[in-house]
């Protein structure tokens, strides 16, 4: 796996998701992230980090609860929030913060 710094140095923006194996909402978020990864693969990298396996990154990003989602562009935080979000909501957030055109998807 890439290091935290390598992840943030990506040419593409990064949606970094801090989670934990013991976290119920994190488990609910997994299929959402898979769907988002497929929809947004040309525009953003979706990366999940386990807080128990990556304590330094967790501390550096001031993560205090899981899931915490952070959108980075050129190593700069564009958006940060905690909790469960739908794929549609996350896609809208990414489009808004990265100034991408919105696209409608069928359910």
Protein backbone atom coordinates (compact mmCIF):
# COMPACT_ATOMS: atom_id res chain seq x y z
CA UNK A 1 0.00 0.00 0.00
CA UNK A 2 1.11 3.55 -0.70
CA UNK A 3 2.16 5.77 2.16
CA UNK A 4 -0.12 8.53 3.39
CA UNK A 5 2.01 11.18 1.67
CA UNK A 6 2.05 9.23 -1.61
CA UNK A 7 -1.75 8.99 -1.49
CA UNK A 8 -2.08 12.76 -1.08
CA UNK A 9 0.48 13.48 -3.82
CA UNK A 10 -1.76 11.82 -6.40
CA UNK A 11 -2.34 13.75 -9.63
CA UNK A 12 -6.05 13.09 -9.17
CA UNK A 13 -7.96 14.47 -6.20
CA UNK A 14 -8.41 11.99 -3.35
CA UNK A 15 -11.45 11.15 -1.23
CA UNK A 16 -9.83 9.78 1.90
CA UNK A 17 -12.13 7.76 4.14
CA UNK A 18 -11.01 7.02 7.69
CA UNK A 19 -12.81 3.97 9.03
CA UNK A 20 -12.48 1.04 11.44
CA UNK A 21 -13.36 -2.65 11.23
CA UNK A 22 -15.49 -2.34 14.39
CA UNK A 23 -17.50 0.67 13.10
CA UNK A 24 -21.09 -0.05 12.00
CA UNK A 25 -21.58 3.08 9.85
CA UNK A 26 -18.20 2.38 8.21
CA UNK A 27 -19.45 -1.06 7.13
CA UNK A 28 -22.62 0.54 5.74
CA UNK A 29 -20.44 2.94 3.77
CA UNK A 30 -18.45 0.19 1.98
CA UNK A 31 -20.96 -0.47 -0.87
CA UNK A 32 -21.45 3.29 -1.24
CA UNK A 33 -17.70 3.76 -1.68
CA UNK A 34 -17.55 0.93 -4.23
CA UNK A 35 -20.33 2.59 -6.21
CA UNK A 36 -18.68 6.00 -5.95
CA UNK A 37 -15.31 4.58 -6.99
CA UNK A 38 -16.87 3.22 -10.18
CA UNK A 39 -18.82 6.41 -10.97
CA UNK A 40 -15.99 8.84 -10.26
CA UNK A 41 -12.91 6.80 -11.24
CA UNK A 42 -11.83 9.32 -13.90
CA UNK A 43 -12.01 12.27 -11.49
CA UNK A 44 -11.05 11.12 -8.00
CA UNK A 45 -9.26 8.33 -6.17
CA UNK A 46 -11.28 6.85 -3.31
CA UNK A 47 -8.97 5.55 -0.58
CA UNK A 48 -10.00 3.93 2.71
CA UNK A 49 -7.68 3.98 5.73
CA UNK A 50 -8.26 2.00 8.91
CA UNK A 51 -7.63 4.27 11.89
CA UNK A 52 -6.21 1.39 13.95
CA UNK A 53 -3.68 0.54 11.22
CA UNK A 54 -2.78 4.15 10.36
CA UNK A 55 -2.63 6.11 13.64
CA UNK A 56 -0.14 8.71 12.36
CA UNK A 57 -2.34 9.67 9.38
CA UNK A 58 -5.38 9.66 11.67
CA UNK A 59 -3.69 12.07 14.08
CA UNK A 60 -2.30 14.26 11.28
CA UNK A 61 -5.82 14.71 9.87
CA UNK A 62 -7.30 15.31 13.33
CA UNK A 63 -9.79 12.47 12.95
CA UNK A 64 -11.86 12.10 16.11
CA UNK A 65 -14.69 9.86 14.90
CA UNK A 66 -15.36 7.38 12.13
CA UNK A 67 -16.21 7.38 9.40
CA UNK A 68 -14.47 10.65 8.58
CA UNK A 69 -14.33 11.62 4.91
CA UNK A 70 -11.86 14.16 3.53
CA UNK A 71 -11.55 15.43 -0.01
CA UNK A 72 -8.03 16.51 -1.00
CA UNK A 73 -6.92 18.29 -4.14
CA UNK A 74 -3.19 18.99 -4.57
CA UNK A 75 -2.67 18.00 -0.92
CA UNK A 76 -5.15 20.65 0.26
CA UNK A 77 -8.31 19.75 2.18
CA UNK A 78 -11.33 20.85 0.15
CA UNK A 79 -14.01 19.23 2.33
CA UNK A 80 -14.26 17.21 5.56
CA UNK A 81 -17.24 15.58 7.26
CA UNK A 82 -18.13 12.64 9.48
CA UNK A 83 -20.81 9.99 9.21
CA UNK A 84 -22.69 8.11 6.54
CA UNK A 85 -23.38 9.69 3.15
CA UNK A 86 -25.07 8.27 0.05
CA UNK A 87 -23.13 7.87 -3.20
CA UNK A 88 -25.26 10.60 -4.78
CA UNK A 89 -24.50 13.05 -1.97
CA UNK A 90 -20.78 12.29 -2.09
CA UNK A 91 -20.75 12.66 -5.87
CA UNK A 92 -22.46 16.06 -5.58
CA UNK A 93 -19.96 17.15 -2.91
CA UNK A 94 -17.02 16.07 -5.09
CA UNK A 95 -18.48 17.77 -8.17
CA UNK A 96 -19.09 20.99 -6.24
CA UNK A 97 -15.68 21.20 -4.57
CA UNK A 98 -13.73 20.15 -7.65
CA UNK A 99 -15.89 22.25 -9.99
CA UNK A 100 -16.93 19.25 -12.09
CA UNK A 101 -20.19 19.12 -14.04
CA UNK A 102 -22.95 17.22 -12.24
CA UNK A 103 -24.16 14.04 -13.88
CA UNK A 104 -27.50 12.29 -13.34
CA UNK A 105 -27.35 8.55 -12.64
CA UNK A 106 -30.14 6.06 -12.77
CA UNK A 107 -30.71 4.01 -9.63
